[in-house]
């Protein structure tokens, strides 16, 4: 609705990442809720590229709660769109929740999200694997392809 935005602290300053769009919340230490006015100003500044030969777009006042999409949201530069993303990476210890935030974002943008998971350099008993890992996937209704 645009009542506030979600962003991160960079150099102890809030940077708006999501405003009037579905956010990807990771519950990381650097995530912060940002006021509507600050998000509006940051988004407004992003719309005017440095050194542009075109005059800046006129932005009205920040939209009121519940208002429809504003002109500055409609007049954004058309970005290249990806219809597929394929990534392979190692998850650093303690960063699983941050990766889950990225997966939430991707799932909000794509209808199909497939994950290949490889765990190594450790051990788990066959019993724990059956009772804990596979059972959770069964309860979630997720078909796993064990290779």
N, C-alpha and C. Protein backbone atom coordinates (compact mmCIF):
# COMPACT_ATOMS: atom_id res chain seq x y z
N UNK A 1 0.82 -1.21 0.00
CA UNK A 1 0.00 0.00 0.00
C UNK A 1 0.85 1.26 0.00
N UNK A 2 2.14 1.15 0.32
CA UNK A 2 2.99 2.32 0.31
C UNK A 2 3.00 3.10 1.60
N UNK A 3 2.56 2.48 2.68
CA UNK A 3 2.59 3.16 3.98
C UNK A 3 4.02 3.26 4.49
N UNK A 4 4.87 2.33 4.08
CA UNK A 4 6.28 2.34 4.41
C UNK A 4 7.00 1.45 3.41
N UNK A 5 8.32 1.48 3.46
CA UNK A 5 9.11 0.66 2.56
C UNK A 5 10.01 -0.27 3.36
N UNK A 6 10.63 -1.19 2.68
CA UNK A 6 11.57 -2.11 3.31
C UNK A 6 12.91 -1.89 2.64
N UNK A 7 13.94 -1.80 3.45
CA UNK A 7 15.27 -1.57 2.89
C UNK A 7 16.35 -2.11 3.79
N UNK A 8 17.55 -1.62 3.57
CA UNK A 8 18.71 -2.05 4.33
C UNK A 8 19.52 -0.84 4.76
N UNK A 9 20.28 -1.03 5.81
CA UNK A 9 21.22 0.00 6.23
C UNK A 9 22.51 -0.18 5.46
N UNK A 10 22.96 0.87 4.81
CA UNK A 10 24.24 0.88 4.12
C UNK A 10 25.00 2.09 4.63
N UNK A 11 26.14 1.87 5.25
CA UNK A 11 26.91 2.94 5.86
C UNK A 11 26.06 3.72 6.85
N UNK A 12 25.26 3.00 7.65
CA UNK A 12 24.38 3.57 8.67
C UNK A 12 23.30 4.49 8.09
N UNK A 13 22.99 4.34 6.80
CA UNK A 13 21.92 5.12 6.18
C UNK A 13 20.90 4.15 5.58
N UNK A 14 19.61 4.43 5.77
CA UNK A 14 18.59 3.53 5.20
C UNK A 14 18.50 3.70 3.68
N UNK A 15 18.47 2.55 2.97
CA UNK A 15 18.33 2.54 1.52
C UNK A 15 17.09 1.72 1.20
N UNK A 16 16.12 2.36 0.57
CA UNK A 16 14.85 1.72 0.25
C UNK A 16 15.04 0.72 -0.88
N UNK A 17 14.64 -0.53 -0.65
CA UNK A 17 14.73 -1.59 -1.67
C UNK A 17 13.36 -1.94 -2.24
N UNK A 18 12.33 -1.90 -1.40
CA UNK A 18 10.98 -2.26 -1.82
C UNK A 18 10.02 -1.17 -1.36
N UNK A 19 9.27 -0.63 -2.30
CA UNK A 19 8.27 0.39 -1.98
C UNK A 19 7.10 0.18 -2.92
N UNK A 20 5.95 -0.07 -2.39
CA UNK A 20 4.73 -0.33 -3.15
C UNK A 20 4.89 -1.56 -4.05
N UNK A 21 5.62 -2.55 -3.57
CA UNK A 21 5.78 -3.80 -4.28
C UNK A 21 5.96 -4.91 -3.25
N UNK A 22 5.80 -6.15 -3.68
CA UNK A 22 5.93 -7.29 -2.78
C UNK A 22 7.39 -7.43 -2.36
N UNK A 23 7.70 -7.29 -1.08
CA UNK A 23 9.09 -7.39 -0.66
C UNK A 23 9.55 -8.83 -0.47
N UNK A 24 10.84 -8.99 -0.44
CA UNK A 24 11.47 -10.26 -0.10
C UNK A 24 12.09 -10.07 1.27
N UNK A 25 11.42 -10.54 2.30
CA UNK A 25 11.86 -10.33 3.67
C UNK A 25 12.78 -11.47 4.07
N UNK A 26 13.98 -11.15 4.53
CA UNK A 26 14.95 -12.16 4.93
C UNK A 26 15.21 -12.14 6.42
N UNK A 27 14.66 -11.17 7.13
CA UNK A 27 14.88 -11.00 8.57
C UNK A 27 16.37 -10.89 8.90
N UNK A 28 17.13 -10.25 8.03
CA UNK A 28 18.55 -10.06 8.29
C UNK A 28 18.75 -8.86 9.20
N UNK A 29 19.91 -8.79 9.79
CA UNK A 29 20.20 -7.71 10.75
C UNK A 29 20.18 -6.33 10.11
N UNK A 30 20.47 -6.26 8.82
CA UNK A 30 20.56 -4.95 8.17
C UNK A 30 19.22 -4.46 7.62
N UNK A 31 18.16 -5.30 7.65
CA UNK A 31 16.86 -4.88 7.14
C UNK A 31 16.19 -3.88 8.07
N UNK A 32 15.58 -2.86 7.45
CA UNK A 32 14.88 -1.84 8.23
C UNK A 32 13.59 -1.44 7.53
N UNK A 33 12.63 -0.97 8.31
CA UNK A 33 11.40 -0.39 7.77
C UNK A 33 11.66 1.09 7.59
N UNK A 34 11.28 1.62 6.43
CA UNK A 34 11.62 3.00 6.07
C UNK A 34 10.34 3.78 5.80
N UNK A 35 10.32 5.03 6.21
CA UNK A 35 9.13 5.87 6.04
C UNK A 35 8.78 6.07 4.57
N UNK A 36 7.50 6.29 4.33
CA UNK A 36 6.99 6.52 2.97
C UNK A 36 7.71 7.70 2.32
N UNK A 37 7.90 8.79 3.05
CA UNK A 37 8.51 9.99 2.49
C UNK A 37 9.94 9.73 2.03
N UNK A 38 10.71 8.99 2.83
CA UNK A 38 12.10 8.71 2.48
C UNK A 38 12.17 7.78 1.26
N UNK A 39 11.32 6.77 1.22
CA UNK A 39 11.28 5.87 0.06
C UNK A 39 10.89 6.65 -1.19
N UNK A 40 9.91 7.51 -1.07
CA UNK A 40 9.46 8.31 -2.21
C UNK A 40 10.62 9.16 -2.75
N UNK A 41 11.35 9.82 -1.86
CA UNK A 41 12.46 10.67 -2.28
C UNK A 41 13.56 9.85 -2.96
N UNK A 42 13.86 8.66 -2.41
CA UNK A 42 14.90 7.83 -3.02
C UNK A 42 14.46 7.31 -4.39
N UNK A 43 13.20 6.90 -4.51
CA UNK A 43 12.71 6.42 -5.81
C UNK A 43 12.68 7.57 -6.83
N UNK A 44 12.33 8.75 -6.37
CA UNK A 44 12.31 9.93 -7.23
C UNK A 44 13.72 10.22 -7.76
N UNK A 45 14.71 10.12 -6.89
CA UNK A 45 16.09 10.38 -7.28
C UNK A 45 16.59 9.33 -8.28
N UNK A 46 16.14 8.08 -8.14
CA UNK A 46 16.54 7.01 -9.06
C UNK A 46 16.00 7.24 -10.46
N UNK A 47 14.90 7.95 -10.60
CA UNK A 47 14.27 8.16 -11.90
C UNK A 47 15.03 9.15 -12.78
N UNK A 48 15.90 9.96 -12.20
CA UNK A 48 16.62 10.97 -12.96
C UNK A 48 18.09 10.57 -13.04
N UNK A 49 18.51 9.90 -14.13
CA UNK A 49 19.91 9.49 -14.27
C UNK A 49 20.83 10.70 -14.34
N UNK A 50 22.00 10.57 -13.76
CA UNK A 50 22.98 11.66 -13.77
C UNK A 50 23.43 11.91 -15.20
N UNK A 51 23.48 13.18 -15.59
CA UNK A 51 23.93 13.55 -16.92
C UNK A 51 22.95 13.25 -18.04
N UNK A 52 21.69 13.05 -17.72
CA UNK A 52 20.70 12.73 -18.75
C UNK A 52 20.43 13.95 -19.62
N UNK A 53 20.30 13.77 -20.94
CA UNK A 53 20.02 14.91 -21.81
C UNK A 53 18.54 15.31 -21.78
N UNK A 54 17.72 14.54 -21.11
CA UNK A 54 16.29 14.81 -21.08
C UNK A 54 15.94 15.54 -19.79
N UNK A 55 14.95 16.41 -19.83
CA UNK A 55 14.56 17.10 -18.60
C UNK A 55 13.94 16.10 -17.62
N UNK A 56 14.10 16.35 -16.34
CA UNK A 56 13.54 15.44 -15.35
C UNK A 56 12.02 15.41 -15.41
N UNK A 57 11.45 14.27 -15.09
CA UNK A 57 10.00 14.10 -15.06
C UNK A 57 9.45 14.86 -13.86
N UNK A 58 8.29 15.44 -14.04
CA UNK A 58 7.64 16.12 -12.92
C UNK A 58 7.03 15.08 -11.99
N UNK A 59 7.36 15.15 -10.75
CA UNK A 59 6.79 14.26 -9.75
C UNK A 59 5.87 15.08 -8.88
N UNK A 60 4.72 14.60 -8.66
CA UNK A 60 3.79 15.30 -7.79
C UNK A 60 4.16 15.08 -6.34
N UNK A 61 3.19 15.24 -5.51
CA UNK A 61 3.41 14.96 -4.09
C UNK A 61 3.34 13.46 -3.88
N UNK A 62 3.90 12.97 -2.78
CA UNK A 62 3.82 11.53 -2.53
C UNK A 62 2.36 11.10 -2.49
N UNK A 63 2.07 9.89 -2.99
CA UNK A 63 0.68 9.42 -3.02
C UNK A 63 0.12 9.22 -1.63
N UNK A 64 -1.17 9.38 -1.52
CA UNK A 64 -1.85 9.14 -0.25
C UNK A 64 -2.10 7.65 -0.09
N UNK A 65 -2.26 7.22 1.13
CA UNK A 65 -2.51 5.81 1.40
C UNK A 65 -3.75 5.36 0.66
N UNK A 66 -3.62 4.24 -0.07
CA UNK A 66 -4.75 3.68 -0.80
C UNK A 66 -4.90 4.21 -2.21
N UNK A 67 -4.09 5.24 -2.62
CA UNK A 67 -4.17 5.77 -3.97
C UNK A 67 -3.61 4.77 -4.97
N UNK A 68 -4.04 4.92 -6.20
CA UNK A 68 -3.55 4.05 -7.28
C UNK A 68 -2.11 4.42 -7.61
N UNK A 69 -1.53 3.65 -8.50
CA UNK A 69 -0.15 3.84 -8.92
C UNK A 69 0.04 5.25 -9.47
N UNK A 70 1.18 5.87 -9.13
CA UNK A 70 1.44 7.24 -9.53
C UNK A 70 2.12 7.28 -10.89
N UNK A 71 2.19 8.47 -11.49
CA UNK A 71 2.79 8.63 -12.80
C UNK A 71 4.26 8.23 -12.80
N UNK A 72 4.99 8.53 -11.71
CA UNK A 72 6.41 8.19 -11.71
C UNK A 72 6.62 6.70 -11.66
N UNK A 73 5.64 5.95 -11.17
CA UNK A 73 5.76 4.49 -11.20
C UNK A 73 5.47 3.97 -12.61
N UNK A 74 4.56 4.62 -13.32
CA UNK A 74 4.19 4.18 -14.66
C UNK A 74 5.25 4.55 -15.68
N UNK A 75 5.94 5.67 -15.48
CA UNK A 75 6.84 6.19 -16.50
C UNK A 75 8.26 5.71 -16.35
N UNK A 76 8.50 4.64 -15.59
CA UNK A 76 9.85 4.14 -15.40
C UNK A 76 10.45 3.63 -16.71
N UNK A 77 11.75 3.64 -16.79
CA UNK A 77 12.45 3.17 -17.97
C UNK A 77 12.20 1.67 -18.11
N UNK A 78 11.89 1.21 -19.31
CA UNK A 78 11.61 -0.20 -19.54
C UNK A 78 12.90 -0.99 -19.38
N UNK A 79 12.93 -1.92 -18.44
CA UNK A 79 14.11 -2.72 -18.18
C UNK A 79 14.05 -4.01 -18.97
N UNK A 80 15.24 -4.58 -19.21
CA UNK A 80 15.28 -5.89 -19.84
C UNK A 80 14.69 -6.90 -18.86
N UNK A 81 13.91 -7.83 -19.37
CA UNK A 81 13.27 -8.83 -18.52
C UNK A 81 13.89 -10.19 -18.74
N UNK A 82 14.11 -10.92 -17.66
CA UNK A 82 14.58 -12.30 -17.74
C UNK A 82 13.39 -13.22 -17.58
N UNK A 83 13.36 -14.27 -18.39
CA UNK A 83 12.28 -15.24 -18.22
C UNK A 83 12.80 -16.52 -17.58
N UNK A 84 14.09 -16.54 -17.23
CA UNK A 84 14.68 -17.72 -16.60
C UNK A 84 15.93 -17.30 -15.83
N UNK A 85 16.12 -17.90 -14.68
CA UNK A 85 17.32 -17.65 -13.88
C UNK A 85 17.85 -19.01 -13.45
N UNK A 86 19.14 -19.22 -13.63
CA UNK A 86 19.76 -20.46 -13.19
C UNK A 86 21.02 -20.07 -12.43
N UNK A 87 21.07 -20.43 -11.15
CA UNK A 87 22.18 -20.08 -10.29
C UNK A 87 22.72 -21.33 -9.61
N UNK A 88 24.00 -21.35 -9.34
CA UNK A 88 24.61 -22.41 -8.55
C UNK A 88 25.58 -21.73 -7.61
N UNK A 89 25.46 -21.98 -6.33
CA UNK A 89 26.29 -21.29 -5.36
C UNK A 89 26.39 -22.10 -4.07
N UNK A 90 27.37 -21.79 -3.27
CA UNK A 90 27.51 -22.39 -1.96
C UNK A 90 26.92 -21.41 -0.95
N UNK A 91 26.17 -21.96 0.00
CA UNK A 91 25.55 -21.12 1.02
C UNK A 91 26.52 -21.00 2.20
N UNK A 92 26.96 -19.79 2.52
CA UNK A 92 27.84 -19.63 3.68
C UNK A 92 27.11 -19.98 4.97
N UNK A 93 27.82 -20.53 5.92
CA UNK A 93 27.22 -20.88 7.21
C UNK A 93 26.53 -19.66 7.80
N UNK A 94 25.32 -19.89 8.29
CA UNK A 94 24.56 -18.83 8.93
C UNK A 94 23.79 -17.93 7.97
N UNK A 95 23.81 -18.22 6.68
CA UNK A 95 23.16 -17.35 5.70
C UNK A 95 21.94 -18.00 5.04
N UNK A 96 21.47 -19.12 5.56
CA UNK A 96 20.33 -19.80 4.96
C UNK A 96 19.09 -18.91 4.95
N UNK A 97 18.84 -18.18 6.04
CA UNK A 97 17.65 -17.34 6.09
C UNK A 97 17.71 -16.23 5.05
N UNK A 98 18.88 -15.72 4.77
CA UNK A 98 19.02 -14.70 3.73
C UNK A 98 18.72 -15.28 2.36
N UNK A 99 19.17 -16.50 2.12
CA UNK A 99 18.90 -17.17 0.85
C UNK A 99 17.39 -17.42 0.71
N UNK A 100 16.74 -17.74 1.82
CA UNK A 100 15.29 -17.96 1.77
C UNK A 100 14.57 -16.69 1.33
N UNK A 101 15.08 -15.54 1.74
CA UNK A 101 14.49 -14.28 1.29
C UNK A 101 14.59 -14.12 -0.21
N UNK A 102 15.73 -14.49 -0.78
CA UNK A 102 15.89 -14.42 -2.23
C UNK A 102 14.94 -15.39 -2.91
N UNK A 103 14.80 -16.59 -2.34
CA UNK A 103 13.88 -17.57 -2.92
C UNK A 103 12.43 -17.08 -2.86
N UNK A 104 12.05 -16.41 -1.78
CA UNK A 104 10.71 -15.83 -1.69
C UNK A 104 10.50 -14.79 -2.80
N UNK A 105 11.50 -13.97 -3.03
CA UNK A 105 11.41 -12.97 -4.09
C UNK A 105 11.25 -13.65 -5.45
N UNK A 106 12.10 -14.64 -5.72
CA UNK A 106 12.02 -15.33 -7.00
C UNK A 106 10.67 -16.02 -7.18
N UNK A 107 10.15 -16.60 -6.12
CA UNK A 107 8.86 -17.28 -6.22
C UNK A 107 7.72 -16.29 -6.47
N UNK A 108 7.89 -15.07 -6.00
CA UNK A 108 6.85 -14.06 -6.28
C UNK A 108 6.90 -13.60 -7.74
N UNK A 109 8.03 -13.78 -8.40
CA UNK A 109 8.21 -13.34 -9.78
C UNK A 109 8.03 -14.46 -10.81
N UNK A 110 8.25 -15.71 -10.40
CA UNK A 110 8.20 -16.85 -11.31
C UNK A 110 7.21 -17.88 -10.79
N UNK A 111 6.53 -18.56 -11.71
CA UNK A 111 5.58 -19.61 -11.33
C UNK A 111 6.26 -20.89 -10.90
N UNK A 112 7.45 -21.16 -11.41
CA UNK A 112 8.14 -22.40 -11.09
C UNK A 112 9.50 -22.09 -10.49
N UNK A 113 9.75 -22.60 -9.30
CA UNK A 113 11.04 -22.43 -8.62
C UNK A 113 11.53 -23.82 -8.27
N UNK A 114 12.62 -24.24 -8.89
CA UNK A 114 13.19 -25.56 -8.67
C UNK A 114 14.55 -25.39 -8.02
N UNK A 115 14.80 -26.19 -7.00
CA UNK A 115 16.05 -26.07 -6.25
C UNK A 115 16.77 -27.40 -6.28
N UNK A 116 18.06 -27.36 -6.57
CA UNK A 116 18.90 -28.54 -6.45
C UNK A 116 19.77 -28.33 -5.23
N UNK A 117 19.69 -29.24 -4.28
CA UNK A 117 20.39 -29.09 -3.01
C UNK A 117 21.43 -30.18 -2.87
N UNK A 118 22.66 -29.78 -2.61
CA UNK A 118 23.74 -30.73 -2.35
C UNK A 118 24.36 -30.36 -1.01
N UNK A 119 24.40 -31.32 -0.11
CA UNK A 119 25.03 -31.11 1.19
C UNK A 119 26.20 -32.08 1.31
N UNK A 120 27.38 -31.58 1.66
CA UNK A 120 28.54 -32.45 1.83
C UNK A 120 29.46 -31.91 2.90
N UNK A 121 30.55 -32.60 3.11
CA UNK A 121 31.54 -32.27 4.15
C UNK A 121 30.91 -32.29 5.53
N UNK A 122 30.15 -33.33 5.79
CA UNK A 122 29.50 -33.56 7.08
C UNK A 122 28.83 -34.91 7.03
N UNK A 123 28.07 -35.24 8.05
CA UNK A 123 27.39 -36.54 8.09
C UNK A 123 26.02 -36.42 8.74
N UNK A 124 25.10 -37.29 8.31
CA UNK A 124 23.79 -37.42 8.94
C UNK A 124 23.44 -38.90 8.88
N UNK A 125 22.84 -39.40 9.94
CA UNK A 125 22.49 -40.82 9.94
C UNK A 125 21.36 -41.07 8.95
N UNK A 126 21.32 -42.28 8.43
CA UNK A 126 20.26 -42.67 7.51
C UNK A 126 18.90 -42.50 8.18
N UNK A 127 18.83 -42.82 9.49
CA UNK A 127 17.58 -42.68 10.24
C UNK A 127 17.13 -41.22 10.31
N UNK A 128 18.05 -40.32 10.63
CA UNK A 128 17.71 -38.89 10.68
C UNK A 128 17.29 -38.38 9.30
N UNK A 129 17.97 -38.84 8.27
CA UNK A 129 17.62 -38.43 6.92
C UNK A 129 16.19 -38.84 6.59
N UNK A 130 15.86 -40.11 6.89
CA UNK A 130 14.50 -40.61 6.62
C UNK A 130 13.47 -39.92 7.51
N UNK A 131 13.75 -39.85 8.81
CA UNK A 131 12.76 -39.35 9.78
C UNK A 131 12.59 -37.83 9.76
N UNK A 132 13.64 -37.11 9.47
CA UNK A 132 13.57 -35.65 9.57
C UNK A 132 13.51 -34.97 8.20
N UNK A 133 14.48 -35.24 7.37
CA UNK A 133 14.57 -34.54 6.09
C UNK A 133 13.44 -34.96 5.15
N UNK A 134 13.39 -36.25 4.84
CA UNK A 134 12.37 -36.73 3.89
C UNK A 134 10.96 -36.53 4.43
N UNK A 135 10.77 -36.69 5.72
CA UNK A 135 9.44 -36.52 6.31
C UNK A 135 8.95 -35.08 6.18
N UNK A 136 9.83 -34.14 6.37
CA UNK A 136 9.43 -32.72 6.21
C UNK A 136 8.97 -32.46 4.78
N UNK A 137 9.73 -32.97 3.81
CA UNK A 137 9.32 -32.79 2.42
C UNK A 137 7.98 -33.48 2.14
N UNK A 138 7.78 -34.66 2.73
CA UNK A 138 6.49 -35.35 2.55
C UNK A 138 5.36 -34.50 3.12
N UNK A 139 5.56 -33.94 4.31
CA UNK A 139 4.52 -33.11 4.94
C UNK A 139 4.24 -31.85 4.13
N UNK A 140 5.25 -31.33 3.49
CA UNK A 140 5.08 -30.13 2.66
C UNK A 140 4.47 -30.45 1.31
N UNK A 141 4.40 -31.72 0.97
CA UNK A 141 3.86 -32.11 -0.34
C UNK A 141 4.84 -31.85 -1.47
N UNK A 142 6.15 -31.88 -1.14
CA UNK A 142 7.19 -31.62 -2.12
C UNK A 142 7.77 -32.95 -2.57
N UNK A 143 7.69 -33.21 -3.88
CA UNK A 143 8.31 -34.41 -4.44
C UNK A 143 9.79 -34.17 -4.60
N UNK A 144 10.59 -35.07 -4.04
CA UNK A 144 12.04 -34.91 -4.17
C UNK A 144 12.58 -35.94 -5.15
N UNK A 145 13.57 -35.53 -5.90
CA UNK A 145 14.23 -36.39 -6.87
C UNK A 145 15.62 -36.67 -6.30
N UNK A 146 15.77 -37.84 -5.65
CA UNK A 146 17.06 -38.20 -5.07
C UNK A 146 17.96 -38.77 -6.17
N UNK A 147 19.08 -38.17 -6.33
CA UNK A 147 20.00 -38.61 -7.39
C UNK A 147 21.15 -39.34 -6.81
